[in-house]
Each structure stands twice: as structure tokens, then as C-alpha cells.
Amino acid sequence: MIRKYTYFLTAALLVLVLSGCGRSVEERTDEAMQSARDAFELNRKQPTEAIDGVEFYMPVGWTADVMKAERSMVISKGSQTYTAQYDPNAKQDSHAYYELLMADKSKEFIQQQTFSDAGVFGFAAISAHGDSSVEVVTGSGPVQVTAIVQKEDLVAAIKRMMEIARSVQIDS
């Protein structure tokens, strides 16, 4: 009798675990876009680093290199890398990075959204990139952050990327 209950309990537990892992890309992207929107609208992160006249929020445990001549920075931790580009002459309501991204016909977007808050423009886009990863691009005014992330890390990554994009302040 105990064997039957053990078998039933194991099977039920297996179904629960597999159903959690089997979330579709659409479900993940919907949750990711909400996470990006929340990070954009809340705009809680203040700059924690200042390198070569560029101030930005850097998550704990991450490292950064700013290449001022190229107007870019690389923020990384382990094997995860975010690349940020910035335009010191652009305003907070700039659509330039978004328009360039949308003009790229080689990208197949799974989902993309734009955001606006108090004169600041932002966007998030997710495109296909292999079987287990996606390309994520977030932006806020004069800043765009890009990364290739594993599908299971999508929600946390897009939130972190938007927090970085919203926090960038450039000395003129």
C-alpha cells in the first residue's frame, strides 16, 4: 500500500516540477515585458559607479569597463555580459536607438514594447537567438543595453538591464 502512495506522490511531484519548467516562451516574454515596464516606471536605481564621466547603477558582484571613445560599456558577471551604448548628445525622450533596432530587418522579434514616463522614452525587445537563448535589448533615452540570455534567466535579466539603462547619467 505504501508503494502505491509513494508512486502516486512521486508522479504528482514530477508533474508539478515539469509544468513549472515547461513555461512557454510567450509566457516568459509576457512576464519579462511586465518586469521591464516596472523597472522603467519605478526608476529606483541610482548610479553606484562613476567611470570616465559616466555614472550608472552596477548590480552587486558585477564589474564594468567604460570605453568613452566608443561610447559604450561592458558590464559582466561570470559568463553573463551586458553591453551598453550611450549617446551623450541625445535627450531623455530620444527614440534613436529604438528606431535603429526596428529598422534591422534581420531580427525576428518575439515581443517588443515602448514605454513613456515624464518625458522619458524607453523600450524593451526580445528576439529569437538559438534554442535556449534570446537576445534582449532595453533602452531609455540616450542608452541602449543589449545581451544574449538564457530563456530561464529572461525575467531577471531584462529587469536588471532596464535598471541599468534608466540609471545612466552622462557628464557633458
Protein backbone atom coordinates (compact mmCIF):
# COMPACT_ATOMS: atom_id res chain seq x y z
CA MET A 1 0.00 0.00 0.00
CA ILE A 2 2.82 2.38 0.86
CA ARG A 3 4.34 1.69 -2.56
CA LYS A 4 1.21 2.89 -4.34
CA TYR A 5 1.14 6.11 -2.35
CA THR A 6 4.84 6.68 -2.90
CA TYR A 7 4.43 6.07 -6.63
CA PHE A 8 1.42 8.41 -6.81
CA LEU A 9 3.17 11.12 -4.77
CA THR A 10 6.32 10.87 -6.90
CA ALA A 11 4.32 11.08 -10.12
CA ALA A 12 2.34 14.10 -8.88
CA LEU A 13 5.52 15.86 -7.78
CA LEU A 14 7.15 15.16 -11.14
CA VAL A 15 4.17 16.65 -12.99
CA LEU A 16 4.34 19.82 -10.86
CA VAL A 17 8.08 20.25 -11.42
CA LEU A 18 7.86 19.67 -15.16
CA SER A 19 4.91 22.01 -15.58
CA GLY A 20 6.92 24.81 -13.95
CA CYS A 21 9.90 24.17 -16.23
CA GLY A 22 7.72 23.94 -19.31
CA ARG A 23 6.56 27.53 -19.39
CA SER A 24 6.33 28.69 -22.94
CA VAL A 25 8.47 31.45 -24.40
CA GLU A 26 5.33 33.58 -24.73
CA GLU A 27 4.60 33.28 -21.00
CA ARG A 28 8.18 34.17 -20.17
CA THR A 29 8.21 37.15 -22.54
CA ASP A 30 4.92 38.48 -21.15
CA GLU A 31 6.35 38.33 -17.63
CA ALA A 32 9.64 39.81 -18.84
CA MET A 33 7.92 42.78 -20.50
CA GLN A 34 5.97 43.48 -17.32
CA SER A 35 9.24 43.33 -15.39
CA ALA A 36 10.87 45.77 -17.85
CA ARG A 37 7.88 48.13 -17.62
CA ASP A 38 8.00 48.04 -13.80
CA ALA A 39 11.75 48.74 -13.74
CA PHE A 40 11.28 51.61 -16.23
CA GLU A 41 8.38 53.22 -14.39
CA LEU A 42 9.74 52.76 -10.85
CA ASN A 43 13.19 54.05 -11.83
CA ARG A 44 14.52 53.23 -8.35
CA LYS A 45 18.17 52.57 -9.08
CA GLN A 46 20.56 55.43 -8.54
CA PRO A 47 24.07 55.35 -10.02
CA THR A 48 26.52 53.39 -7.88
CA GLU A 49 29.55 53.70 -10.17
CA ALA A 50 31.25 56.58 -11.96
CA ILE A 51 33.82 55.80 -14.65
CA ASP A 52 35.18 58.34 -17.15
CA GLY A 53 32.29 60.77 -16.72
CA VAL A 54 29.59 58.10 -16.97
CA GLU A 55 27.56 57.30 -13.87
CA PHE A 56 25.39 54.19 -13.73
CA TYR A 57 23.89 51.56 -11.47
CA MET A 58 26.02 48.44 -11.33
CA PRO A 59 24.45 45.37 -9.71
CA VAL A 60 26.34 43.95 -6.73
CA GLY A 61 29.04 41.49 -7.77
CA TRP A 62 29.25 42.73 -11.36
CA THR A 63 32.22 44.50 -12.97
CA ALA A 64 32.27 47.22 -15.60
CA ASP A 65 34.54 48.69 -18.26
CA VAL A 66 33.66 52.01 -19.87
CA MET A 67 35.11 52.81 -23.28
CA LYS A 68 34.38 56.50 -23.51
CA ALA A 69 35.81 56.87 -27.02
CA GLU A 70 33.40 54.17 -28.28
CA ARG A 71 30.55 55.49 -26.11
CA SER A 72 29.96 52.06 -24.67
CA MET A 73 30.42 49.98 -21.56
CA VAL A 74 30.54 46.29 -20.79
CA ILE A 75 29.01 45.09 -17.53
CA SER A 76 29.63 41.45 -16.64
CA LYS A 77 29.42 38.77 -14.01
CA GLY A 78 30.68 35.28 -14.76
CA SER A 79 29.55 34.28 -18.23
CA GLN A 80 26.77 36.91 -18.42
CA THR A 81 27.66 40.15 -20.23
CA TYR A 82 25.58 43.25 -20.92
CA THR A 83 26.78 45.75 -23.50
CA ALA A 84 25.53 49.32 -23.14
CA GLN A 85 25.83 52.06 -25.73
CA TYR A 86 25.11 55.68 -24.99
CA ASP A 87 24.85 58.93 -26.88
CA PRO A 88 25.93 61.89 -24.74
CA ASN A 89 24.13 64.30 -27.10
CA ALA A 90 20.73 62.57 -27.02
CA LYS A 91 17.87 63.71 -24.84
CA GLN A 92 15.79 61.56 -22.46
CA ASP A 93 12.96 61.39 -24.99
CA SER A 94 15.22 60.15 -27.81
CA HIS A 95 13.83 57.35 -30.00
CA ALA A 96 17.08 56.90 -31.99
CA TYR A 97 18.18 53.52 -30.58
CA TYR A 98 14.63 52.16 -30.83
CA GLU A 99 14.26 53.28 -34.45
CA LEU A 100 17.62 51.71 -35.37
CA LEU A 101 16.58 48.45 -33.73
CA MET A 102 13.22 48.35 -35.50
CA ALA A 103 14.90 49.10 -38.85
CA ASP A 104 17.06 45.97 -38.50
CA LYS A 105 15.16 43.52 -40.72
CA SER A 106 17.45 40.63 -39.73
CA LYS A 107 15.86 40.46 -36.28
CA GLU A 108 12.76 38.38 -35.64
CA PHE A 109 11.10 39.89 -32.59
CA ILE A 110 9.20 37.65 -30.23
CA GLN A 111 7.89 40.72 -28.46
CA GLN A 112 8.70 44.42 -28.13
CA GLN A 113 7.16 47.32 -26.20
CA THR A 114 7.72 51.01 -25.72
CA PHE A 115 7.30 52.99 -22.51
CA SER A 116 6.97 56.65 -21.65
CA ASP A 117 7.15 58.36 -18.28
CA ALA A 118 7.52 62.06 -17.54
CA GLY A 119 9.17 62.87 -20.86
CA VAL A 120 11.47 59.84 -20.85
CA PHE A 121 11.18 57.27 -23.64
CA GLY A 122 12.05 53.62 -23.11
CA PHE A 123 11.73 50.29 -24.85
CA ALA A 124 12.35 46.57 -24.48
CA ALA A 125 12.63 43.99 -27.24
CA ILE A 126 13.18 40.25 -27.26
CA SER A 127 14.27 38.38 -30.37
CA ALA A 128 14.99 34.75 -31.12
CA HIS A 129 18.58 33.55 -30.70
CA GLY A 130 19.01 29.79 -30.82
CA ASP A 131 17.03 27.12 -29.00
CA SER A 132 17.79 28.01 -25.39
CA SER A 133 18.58 31.73 -25.52
CA VAL A 134 17.13 35.05 -26.64
CA GLU A 135 18.58 38.45 -27.47
CA VAL A 136 17.29 41.17 -25.18
CA VAL A 137 17.57 44.90 -25.85
CA THR A 138 16.39 47.57 -23.42
CA GLY A 139 16.73 51.29 -23.73
CA SER A 140 15.95 54.56 -22.06
CA GLY A 141 16.51 57.81 -23.95
CA PRO A 142 20.21 58.03 -24.80
CA VAL A 143 21.08 54.50 -23.59
CA GLN A 144 20.66 51.00 -25.02
CA VAL A 145 21.63 47.78 -23.18
CA THR A 146 21.96 44.50 -25.11
CA ALA A 147 22.57 40.89 -24.02
CA ILE A 148 22.10 37.28 -25.03
CA VAL A 149 20.42 35.48 -22.12
CA GLN A 150 19.14 32.01 -21.40
CA LYS A 151 15.35 31.79 -21.62
CA GLU A 152 15.05 30.80 -17.97
CA ASP A 153 17.01 33.95 -16.94
CA LEU A 154 14.97 36.30 -19.13
CA VAL A 155 12.78 37.96 -16.48
CA ALA A 156 15.61 38.79 -14.07
CA ALA A 157 17.95 39.87 -16.88
CA ILE A 158 15.54 42.26 -18.58
CA LYS A 159 14.71 43.91 -15.25
CA ARG A 160 18.41 44.35 -14.41
CA MET A 161 19.13 45.69 -17.91
CA MET A 162 16.34 48.28 -17.69
CA GLU A 163 17.54 49.35 -14.24
CA ILE A 164 20.99 49.95 -15.70
CA ALA A 165 19.61 51.82 -18.73
CA ARG A 166 17.43 54.10 -16.59
CA SER A 167 20.27 54.92 -14.19
CA VAL A 168 22.88 56.13 -16.69
CA GLN A 169 23.93 59.75 -16.32
CA ILE A 170 26.47 61.21 -18.71
CA ASP A 171 28.65 64.23 -17.95
CA SER A 172 28.63 66.62 -20.87
